[in-house]
Amino acid sequence: MRLILSCLVAGFSAILLAVPATSGTETSSPFSVNAIVRSRTSLQVSSSDLRFDVSEATLAPTVVVAFTAAARAAAAADVVLSVEALRAVETGGVAASPDLAVSFRADDGHTGTVAVGVPRVVGTWKGSGVRGGQVRFTLHGATAMGRYQLPVVFALSAP
């Protein structure tokens, strides 16, 4: 992007310097410039490995992931934050329940269930800016005590 702007400035400077100055008269001519600004994103998350410690089978353990998302996009463009499980919940040798699931609730109200290979939207907004927040993940269906892990990947996209 900086290279494109530098080239445009250098080109305009060369045109202006190449036009001879005449005393007492001014000439002007219209011209148009088209620039394509591509979107750009940056994402930081506090963890991509959800670790649930189940000490009692009756409690649903929770993990909170904080994020900072930045995007440069057109004013009306949708910026989307999503999460996806990389594989099934790892039980660490504990017998897995068939009802094992991980749900989420984001600060902005997005809710859902994390799935392997299926991105789920956890946040959206319009246009450029920096957003921060948290996503709360809850493990459901754990029938035995132990540590359960779920590796996830977060993605930030803008058209």
N, C-alpha and C. Protein backbone atom coordinates (compact mmCIF):
# COMPACT_ATOMS: atom_id res chain seq x y z
N MET A 1 0.83 -1.19 0.00
CA MET A 1 0.00 0.00 0.00
C MET A 1 0.87 1.25 0.00
N ARG A 2 1.89 1.27 0.84
CA ARG A 2 2.79 2.42 0.88
C ARG A 2 3.52 2.57 -0.44
N LEU A 3 3.87 1.44 -1.05
CA LEU A 3 4.56 1.48 -2.33
C LEU A 3 3.68 2.12 -3.40
N ILE A 4 2.40 1.76 -3.41
CA ILE A 4 1.47 2.33 -4.39
C ILE A 4 1.35 3.83 -4.19
N LEU A 5 1.18 4.26 -2.92
CA LEU A 5 1.06 5.70 -2.64
C LEU A 5 2.34 6.43 -3.00
N SER A 6 3.51 5.84 -2.72
CA SER A 6 4.78 6.46 -3.06
C SER A 6 4.92 6.63 -4.56
N CYS A 7 4.51 5.61 -5.31
CA CYS A 7 4.56 5.68 -6.78
C CYS A 7 3.64 6.77 -7.30
N LEU A 8 2.45 6.89 -6.72
CA LEU A 8 1.51 7.93 -7.15
C LEU A 8 2.07 9.31 -6.86
N VAL A 9 2.63 9.51 -5.68
CA VAL A 9 3.20 10.81 -5.31
C VAL A 9 4.38 11.14 -6.22
N ALA A 10 5.25 10.15 -6.46
CA ALA A 10 6.40 10.38 -7.33
C ALA A 10 5.94 10.71 -8.75
N GLY A 11 4.93 10.02 -9.23
CA GLY A 11 4.41 10.28 -10.58
C GLY A 11 3.82 11.67 -10.71
N PHE A 12 3.04 12.09 -9.72
CA PHE A 12 2.44 13.43 -9.75
C PHE A 12 3.53 14.50 -9.65
N SER A 13 4.55 14.23 -8.83
CA SER A 13 5.65 15.19 -8.69
C SER A 13 6.38 15.34 -10.02
N ALA A 14 6.63 14.23 -10.71
CA ALA A 14 7.31 14.28 -12.00
C ALA A 14 6.49 15.05 -13.02
N ILE A 15 5.19 14.87 -13.00
CA ILE A 15 4.31 15.60 -13.93
C ILE A 15 4.36 17.08 -13.64
N LEU A 16 4.27 17.44 -12.36
CA LEU A 16 4.28 18.85 -12.00
C LEU A 16 5.61 19.51 -12.34
N LEU A 17 6.72 18.80 -12.14
CA LEU A 17 8.04 19.37 -12.44
C LEU A 17 8.28 19.45 -13.94
N ALA A 18 7.65 18.58 -14.70
CA ALA A 18 7.85 18.56 -16.14
C ALA A 18 7.08 19.67 -16.85
N VAL A 19 6.08 20.22 -16.22
CA VAL A 19 5.28 21.28 -16.83
C VAL A 19 6.02 22.60 -16.62
N PRO A 20 6.35 23.27 -17.70
CA PRO A 20 7.09 24.54 -17.55
C PRO A 20 6.20 25.61 -16.92
N ALA A 21 6.81 26.39 -16.08
CA ALA A 21 6.08 27.48 -15.44
C ALA A 21 6.04 28.65 -16.40
N THR A 22 4.87 29.24 -16.54
CA THR A 22 4.74 30.43 -17.36
C THR A 22 4.29 31.56 -16.48
N SER A 23 4.83 32.70 -16.71
CA SER A 23 4.48 33.82 -15.84
C SER A 23 3.14 34.41 -16.26
N GLY A 24 2.31 34.63 -15.25
CA GLY A 24 1.07 35.32 -15.48
C GLY A 24 -0.09 34.46 -15.94
N THR A 25 0.13 33.26 -16.34
CA THR A 25 -0.98 32.42 -16.78
C THR A 25 -0.99 31.13 -15.98
N GLU A 26 -2.16 30.67 -15.75
CA GLU A 26 -2.34 29.40 -15.07
C GLU A 26 -3.21 28.51 -15.92
N THR A 27 -2.88 27.28 -15.95
CA THR A 27 -3.71 26.31 -16.64
C THR A 27 -4.03 25.18 -15.67
N SER A 28 -5.18 24.65 -15.83
CA SER A 28 -5.55 23.50 -15.01
C SER A 28 -6.32 22.52 -15.88
N SER A 29 -6.19 21.29 -15.53
CA SER A 29 -6.95 20.27 -16.23
C SER A 29 -7.36 19.20 -15.22
N PRO A 30 -8.57 18.73 -15.36
CA PRO A 30 -9.03 17.72 -14.40
C PRO A 30 -8.39 16.36 -14.68
N PHE A 31 -8.19 15.62 -13.64
CA PHE A 31 -7.72 14.24 -13.77
C PHE A 31 -8.30 13.45 -12.60
N SER A 32 -8.38 12.18 -12.80
CA SER A 32 -8.92 11.34 -11.73
C SER A 32 -7.90 10.27 -11.37
N VAL A 33 -7.98 9.87 -10.13
CA VAL A 33 -7.09 8.84 -9.61
C VAL A 33 -7.96 7.74 -9.01
N ASN A 34 -7.70 6.52 -9.39
CA ASN A 34 -8.39 5.38 -8.80
C ASN A 34 -7.38 4.60 -7.98
N ALA A 35 -7.73 4.32 -6.73
CA ALA A 35 -6.84 3.54 -5.86
C ALA A 35 -7.64 2.38 -5.27
N ILE A 36 -7.03 1.25 -5.23
CA ILE A 36 -7.66 0.08 -4.62
C ILE A 36 -7.03 -0.12 -3.24
N VAL A 37 -7.85 -0.03 -2.22
CA VAL A 37 -7.36 -0.25 -0.85
C VAL A 37 -7.83 -1.63 -0.41
N ARG A 38 -6.91 -2.50 -0.18
CA ARG A 38 -7.24 -3.86 0.23
C ARG A 38 -7.44 -3.91 1.74
N SER A 39 -8.32 -4.81 2.17
CA SER A 39 -8.55 -4.96 3.60
C SER A 39 -7.34 -5.61 4.25
N ARG A 40 -7.23 -5.38 5.54
CA ARG A 40 -6.10 -5.93 6.30
C ARG A 40 -6.60 -6.22 7.70
N THR A 41 -6.17 -7.36 8.24
CA THR A 41 -6.63 -7.74 9.58
C THR A 41 -5.47 -8.16 10.46
N SER A 42 -5.70 -8.06 11.76
CA SER A 42 -4.75 -8.51 12.76
C SER A 42 -5.56 -9.04 13.94
N LEU A 43 -5.14 -10.18 14.48
CA LEU A 43 -5.89 -10.80 15.56
C LEU A 43 -4.94 -11.37 16.61
N GLN A 44 -5.24 -11.08 17.86
CA GLN A 44 -4.52 -11.66 18.99
C GLN A 44 -5.54 -12.29 19.92
N VAL A 45 -5.28 -13.53 20.35
CA VAL A 45 -6.15 -14.21 21.30
C VAL A 45 -5.31 -14.69 22.48
N SER A 46 -5.94 -14.77 23.64
CA SER A 46 -5.21 -15.17 24.85
C SER A 46 -4.90 -16.66 24.87
N SER A 47 -5.67 -17.46 24.14
CA SER A 47 -5.41 -18.90 24.09
C SER A 47 -6.09 -19.52 22.89
N SER A 48 -5.44 -20.52 22.32
CA SER A 48 -6.07 -21.29 21.24
C SER A 48 -6.22 -22.75 21.66
N ASP A 49 -5.99 -23.00 22.92
CA ASP A 49 -6.14 -24.35 23.47
C ASP A 49 -7.06 -24.24 24.69
N LEU A 50 -8.29 -24.66 24.52
CA LEU A 50 -9.26 -24.56 25.61
C LEU A 50 -9.06 -25.73 26.57
N ARG A 51 -8.77 -25.43 27.82
CA ARG A 51 -8.52 -26.47 28.83
C ARG A 51 -9.58 -26.38 29.92
N PHE A 52 -10.35 -27.42 30.01
CA PHE A 52 -11.43 -27.49 30.99
C PHE A 52 -11.04 -28.48 32.08
N ASP A 53 -10.99 -28.02 33.32
CA ASP A 53 -10.72 -28.92 34.45
C ASP A 53 -12.05 -29.25 35.12
N VAL A 54 -12.42 -30.53 35.03
CA VAL A 54 -13.68 -30.99 35.61
C VAL A 54 -13.36 -31.62 36.96
N SER A 55 -13.83 -30.96 38.02
CA SER A 55 -13.58 -31.49 39.36
C SER A 55 -14.82 -32.17 39.91
N GLU A 56 -15.96 -31.82 39.38
CA GLU A 56 -17.23 -32.45 39.75
C GLU A 56 -18.04 -32.66 38.48
N ALA A 57 -18.55 -33.84 38.31
CA ALA A 57 -19.28 -34.15 37.07
C ALA A 57 -20.55 -33.32 36.93
N THR A 58 -21.02 -32.71 37.98
CA THR A 58 -22.26 -31.95 37.90
C THR A 58 -22.05 -30.50 37.46
N LEU A 59 -20.80 -30.03 37.46
CA LEU A 59 -20.54 -28.65 37.09
C LEU A 59 -20.06 -28.56 35.64
N ALA A 60 -20.50 -27.54 34.93
CA ALA A 60 -20.04 -27.31 33.55
C ALA A 60 -18.90 -26.30 33.60
N PRO A 61 -17.66 -26.73 33.38
CA PRO A 61 -16.52 -25.81 33.47
C PRO A 61 -16.50 -24.82 32.31
N THR A 62 -15.92 -23.66 32.59
CA THR A 62 -15.88 -22.57 31.63
C THR A 62 -14.47 -22.05 31.44
N VAL A 63 -14.14 -21.67 30.21
CA VAL A 63 -12.87 -21.04 29.87
C VAL A 63 -13.20 -19.74 29.13
N VAL A 64 -12.48 -18.67 29.50
CA VAL A 64 -12.69 -17.38 28.84
C VAL A 64 -11.46 -17.06 28.01
N VAL A 65 -11.69 -16.69 26.74
CA VAL A 65 -10.62 -16.29 25.83
C VAL A 65 -10.83 -14.81 25.50
N ALA A 66 -9.79 -14.02 25.75
CA ALA A 66 -9.83 -12.59 25.41
C ALA A 66 -9.23 -12.41 24.02
N PHE A 67 -9.75 -11.44 23.29
CA PHE A 67 -9.21 -11.18 21.95
C PHE A 67 -9.10 -9.68 21.69
N THR A 68 -8.18 -9.34 20.80
CA THR A 68 -8.07 -8.00 20.25
C THR A 68 -8.02 -8.17 18.74
N ALA A 69 -8.98 -7.59 18.07
CA ALA A 69 -9.10 -7.73 16.62
C ALA A 69 -9.02 -6.35 15.98
N ALA A 70 -8.20 -6.23 14.95
CA ALA A 70 -8.08 -4.97 14.23
C ALA A 70 -8.29 -5.24 12.74
N ALA A 71 -9.00 -4.32 12.11
CA ALA A 71 -9.26 -4.48 10.68
C ALA A 71 -9.25 -3.13 9.99
N ARG A 72 -8.72 -3.13 8.78
CA ARG A 72 -8.84 -1.98 7.89
C ARG A 72 -9.70 -2.46 6.74
N ALA A 73 -10.87 -1.89 6.62
CA ALA A 73 -11.83 -2.33 5.61
C ALA A 73 -12.69 -1.15 5.18
N ALA A 74 -13.40 -1.32 4.11
CA ALA A 74 -14.34 -0.29 3.66
C ALA A 74 -15.38 -0.04 4.74
N ALA A 75 -15.93 1.17 4.76
CA ALA A 75 -16.85 1.57 5.81
C ALA A 75 -18.05 0.62 5.96
N ALA A 76 -18.55 0.10 4.86
CA ALA A 76 -19.73 -0.77 4.92
C ALA A 76 -19.39 -2.25 4.92
N ALA A 77 -18.11 -2.58 4.93
CA ALA A 77 -17.69 -3.98 4.85
C ALA A 77 -17.90 -4.70 6.18
N ASP A 78 -18.31 -5.95 6.10
CA ASP A 78 -18.48 -6.78 7.30
C ASP A 78 -17.13 -7.37 7.71
N VAL A 79 -16.78 -7.19 8.96
CA VAL A 79 -15.60 -7.82 9.54
C VAL A 79 -16.13 -8.95 10.41
N VAL A 80 -15.59 -10.16 10.25
CA VAL A 80 -16.14 -11.34 10.92
C VAL A 80 -15.05 -12.05 11.71
N LEU A 81 -15.34 -12.31 12.98
CA LEU A 81 -14.47 -13.11 13.84
C LEU A 81 -15.13 -14.47 14.01
N SER A 82 -14.38 -15.54 13.73
CA SER A 82 -14.95 -16.89 13.84
C SER A 82 -14.01 -17.80 14.62
N VAL A 83 -14.57 -18.92 15.10
CA VAL A 83 -13.80 -19.94 15.81
C VAL A 83 -14.17 -21.30 15.25
N GLU A 84 -13.18 -22.18 15.23
CA GLU A 84 -13.39 -23.52 14.69
C GLU A 84 -12.53 -24.50 15.50
N ALA A 85 -13.10 -25.66 15.83
CA ALA A 85 -12.35 -26.70 16.52
C ALA A 85 -11.45 -27.41 15.52
N LEU A 86 -10.21 -27.69 15.93
CA LEU A 86 -9.28 -28.40 15.06
C LEU A 86 -9.50 -29.90 15.09
N ARG A 87 -9.99 -30.40 16.23
CA ARG A 87 -10.32 -31.82 16.38
C ARG A 87 -11.28 -31.95 17.54
N ALA A 88 -11.71 -33.16 17.80
CA ALA A 88 -12.68 -33.41 18.88
C ALA A 88 -12.04 -33.12 20.24
N VAL A 89 -12.87 -32.95 21.24
CA VAL A 89 -12.41 -32.72 22.60
C VAL A 89 -11.53 -33.88 23.03
N GLU A 90 -10.34 -33.55 23.53
CA GLU A 90 -9.42 -34.57 24.03
C GLU A 90 -9.73 -34.79 25.51
N THR A 91 -9.89 -36.05 25.89
CA THR A 91 -10.33 -36.34 27.25
C THR A 91 -9.19 -36.76 28.18
N GLY A 92 -8.00 -36.89 27.68
CA GLY A 92 -6.87 -37.24 28.53
C GLY A 92 -7.00 -38.60 29.20
N GLY A 93 -7.55 -39.56 28.48
CA GLY A 93 -7.68 -40.90 29.03
C GLY A 93 -8.99 -41.17 29.74
N VAL A 94 -9.76 -40.12 29.97
CA VAL A 94 -11.06 -40.28 30.61
C VAL A 94 -12.06 -40.75 29.55
N ALA A 95 -12.92 -41.65 29.91
CA ALA A 95 -13.93 -42.12 28.95
C ALA A 95 -14.81 -40.96 28.51
N ALA A 96 -14.87 -40.74 27.21
CA ALA A 96 -15.64 -39.62 26.67
C ALA A 96 -17.12 -39.96 26.59
N SER A 97 -17.92 -39.00 26.96
CA SER A 97 -19.37 -39.14 26.85
C SER A 97 -19.78 -38.80 25.42
N PRO A 98 -20.76 -39.47 24.86
CA PRO A 98 -21.22 -39.13 23.51
C PRO A 98 -21.90 -37.75 23.46
N ASP A 99 -22.27 -37.24 24.62
CA ASP A 99 -22.94 -35.94 24.69
C ASP A 99 -21.97 -34.78 24.90
N LEU A 100 -20.67 -35.02 24.79
CA LEU A 100 -19.66 -33.99 25.02
C LEU A 100 -19.77 -32.90 23.97
N ALA A 101 -19.89 -31.64 24.42
CA ALA A 101 -20.01 -30.51 23.50
C ALA A 101 -19.44 -29.26 24.17
N VAL A 102 -19.01 -28.32 23.34
CA VAL A 102 -18.50 -27.04 23.84
C VAL A 102 -19.33 -25.93 23.20
N SER A 103 -19.95 -25.13 24.04
CA SER A 103 -20.73 -23.99 23.56
C SER A 103 -19.95 -22.71 23.81
N PHE A 104 -20.39 -21.61 23.17
CA PHE A 104 -19.74 -20.32 23.41
C PHE A 104 -20.77 -19.21 23.49
N ARG A 105 -20.37 -18.15 24.18
CA ARG A 105 -21.15 -16.91 24.26
C ARG A 105 -20.15 -15.77 24.22
N ALA A 106 -20.29 -14.90 23.21
CA ALA A 106 -19.40 -13.76 23.06
C ALA A 106 -20.00 -12.53 23.74
N ASP A 107 -19.15 -11.55 23.99
CA ASP A 107 -19.59 -10.30 24.63
C ASP A 107 -20.73 -9.64 23.88
N ASP A 108 -20.71 -9.74 22.55
CA ASP A 108 -21.75 -9.05 21.77
C ASP A 108 -23.03 -9.86 21.60
N GLY A 109 -23.09 -11.03 22.26
CA GLY A 109 -24.32 -11.82 22.23
C GLY A 109 -24.30 -13.01 21.29
N HIS A 110 -23.29 -13.13 20.44
CA HIS A 110 -23.22 -14.30 19.57
C HIS A 110 -23.07 -15.56 20.42
N THR A 111 -23.86 -16.58 20.08
CA THR A 111 -23.80 -17.85 20.79
C THR A 111 -23.76 -18.98 19.78
N GLY A 112 -23.31 -20.14 20.23
CA GLY A 112 -23.29 -21.30 19.35
C GLY A 112 -22.54 -22.45 19.97
N THR A 113 -22.30 -23.46 19.16
CA THR A 113 -21.56 -24.65 19.58
C THR A 113 -20.36 -24.79 18.66
N VAL A 114 -19.19 -25.02 19.25
CA VAL A 114 -17.96 -25.18 18.49
C VAL A 114 -18.01 -26.53 17.78
N ALA A 115 -17.61 -26.56 16.51
CA ALA A 115 -17.63 -27.79 15.74
C ALA A 115 -16.31 -27.98 15.01
N VAL A 116 -15.93 -29.23 14.81
CA VAL A 116 -14.70 -29.56 14.09
C VAL A 116 -14.89 -29.25 12.61
N GLY A 117 -13.98 -28.43 12.07
CA GLY A 117 -14.00 -28.13 10.64
C GLY A 117 -15.10 -27.20 10.19
N VAL A 118 -15.85 -26.62 11.13
CA VAL A 118 -16.94 -25.71 10.77
C VAL A 118 -16.75 -24.38 11.50
N PRO A 119 -16.37 -23.32 10.78
CA PRO A 119 -16.20 -22.02 11.44
C PRO A 119 -17.54 -21.51 11.97
N ARG A 120 -17.54 -21.01 13.20
CA ARG A 120 -18.74 -20.42 13.81
C ARG A 120 -18.46 -18.96 14.11
N VAL A 121 -19.38 -18.09 13.76
CA VAL A 121 -19.22 -16.65 13.96
C VAL A 121 -19.36 -16.33 15.45
N VAL A 122 -18.34 -15.64 15.98
CA VAL A 122 -18.39 -15.20 17.37
C VAL A 122 -18.47 -13.68 17.49
N GLY A 123 -18.29 -12.98 16.36
CA GLY A 123 -18.41 -11.53 16.39
C GLY A 123 -18.42 -10.95 15.00
N THR A 124 -19.15 -9.85 14.83
CA THR A 124 -19.18 -9.12 13.56
C THR A 124 -19.27 -7.63 13.83
N TRP A 125 -18.75 -6.84 12.92
CA TRP A 125 -18.92 -5.40 12.96
C TRP A 125 -18.66 -4.86 11.57
N LYS A 126 -18.94 -3.58 11.38
CA LYS A 126 -18.79 -2.94 10.07
C LYS A 126 -17.58 -2.01 10.08
N GLY A 127 -16.81 -2.08 9.01
CA GLY A 127 -15.74 -1.13 8.78
C GLY A 127 -14.50 -1.32 9.64
N SER A 128 -13.60 -0.36 9.51
CA SER A 128 -12.31 -0.41 10.18
C SER A 128 -12.42 -0.16 11.67
N GLY A 129 -11.38 -0.58 12.37
CA GLY A 129 -11.29 -0.29 13.79
C GLY A 129 -10.66 -1.43 14.56
N VAL A 130 -10.45 -1.16 15.84
CA VAL A 130 -9.90 -2.16 16.76
C VAL A 130 -11.00 -2.52 17.76
N ARG A 131 -11.23 -3.80 17.91
CA ARG A 131 -12.25 -4.29 18.85
C ARG A 131 -11.60 -5.26 19.82
N GLY A 132 -12.04 -5.23 21.03
CA GLY A 132 -11.57 -6.18 22.02
C GLY A 132 -12.76 -6.79 22.72
N GLY A 133 -12.58 -7.98 23.24
CA GLY A 133 -13.69 -8.61 23.95
C GLY A 133 -13.30 -9.97 24.46
N GLN A 134 -14.31 -10.70 24.86
CA GLN A 134 -14.11 -12.03 25.40
C GLN A 134 -15.15 -12.99 24.83
N VAL A 135 -14.72 -14.24 24.74
CA VAL A 135 -15.63 -15.32 24.36
C VAL A 135 -15.55 -16.34 25.48
N ARG A 136 -16.72 -16.70 26.03
CA ARG A 136 -16.80 -17.67 27.13
C ARG A 136 -17.20 -19.02 26.55
N PHE A 137 -16.35 -20.03 26.77
CA PHE A 137 -16.59 -21.38 26.29
C PHE A 137 -16.98 -22.26 27.48
N THR A 138 -17.99 -23.10 27.29
CA THR A 138 -18.46 -23.99 28.36
C THR A 138 -18.51 -25.41 27.85
N LEU A 139 -17.95 -26.32 28.65
CA LEU A 139 -17.96 -27.75 28.32
C LEU A 139 -19.22 -28.38 28.89
N HIS A 140 -19.95 -29.11 28.05
CA HIS A 140 -21.18 -29.79 28.47
C HIS A 140 -21.03 -31.29 28.28
N GLY A 141 -21.63 -32.05 29.16
CA GLY A 141 -21.69 -33.50 28.99
C GLY A 141 -20.51 -34.27 29.56
N ALA A 142 -19.63 -33.62 30.31
CA ALA A 142 -18.50 -34.33 30.92
C ALA A 142 -19.03 -35.16 32.09
N THR A 143 -18.87 -36.47 32.00
CA THR A 143 -19.41 -37.36 33.03
C THR A 143 -18.35 -37.85 34.00
N ALA A 144 -17.08 -37.50 33.73
CA ALA A 144 -16.00 -37.95 34.61
C ALA A 144 -15.07 -36.79 34.91
N MET A 145 -14.46 -36.81 36.08
CA MET A 145 -13.51 -35.77 36.46
C MET A 145 -12.22 -35.93 35.64
N GLY A 146 -11.54 -34.82 35.41
CA GLY A 146 -10.29 -34.83 34.66
C GLY A 146 -10.13 -33.56 33.85
N ARG A 147 -9.08 -33.53 33.03
CA ARG A 147 -8.81 -32.38 32.16
C ARG A 147 -9.26 -32.71 30.74
N TYR A 148 -10.05 -31.82 30.20
CA TYR A 148 -10.54 -31.94 28.83
C TYR A 148 -9.93 -30.78 28.04
N GLN A 149 -9.48 -31.04 26.82
CA GLN A 149 -8.87 -30.00 26.00
C GLN A 149 -9.51 -29.96 24.62
N LEU A 150 -9.58 -28.74 24.10
CA LEU A 150 -10.09 -28.56 22.74
C LEU A 150 -9.23 -27.52 22.03
N PRO A 151 -8.42 -27.95 21.06
CA PRO A 151 -7.65 -26.97 20.28
C PRO A 151 -8.57 -26.29 19.26
N VAL A 152 -8.49 -24.96 19.22
CA VAL A 152 -9.33 -24.19 18.31
C VAL A 152 -8.47 -23.21 17.53
N VAL A 153 -9.04 -22.70 16.45
CA VAL A 153 -8.39 -21.65 15.68
C VAL A 153 -9.41 -20.53 15.50
N PHE A 154 -8.95 -19.31 15.77
CA PHE A 154 -9.76 -18.13 15.55
C PHE A 154 -9.34 -17.50 14.22
N ALA A 155 -10.28 -16.94 13.51
CA ALA A 155 -9.97 -16.28 12.23
C ALA A 155 -10.71 -14.96 12.15
N LEU A 156 -10.04 -13.96 11.60
CA LEU A 156 -10.64 -12.65 11.40
C LEU A 156 -10.61 -12.38 9.90
N SER A 157 -11.76 -12.07 9.33
CA SER A 157 -11.83 -11.85 7.89
C SER A 157 -12.57 -10.56 7.56
N ALA A 158 -12.14 -9.95 6.49
CA ALA A 158 -12.80 -8.74 5.95
C ALA A 158 -12.64 -8.80 4.44
N PRO A 159 -13.72 -8.56 3.71
CA PRO A 159 -13.64 -8.64 2.24
C PRO A 159 -12.76 -7.56 1.65
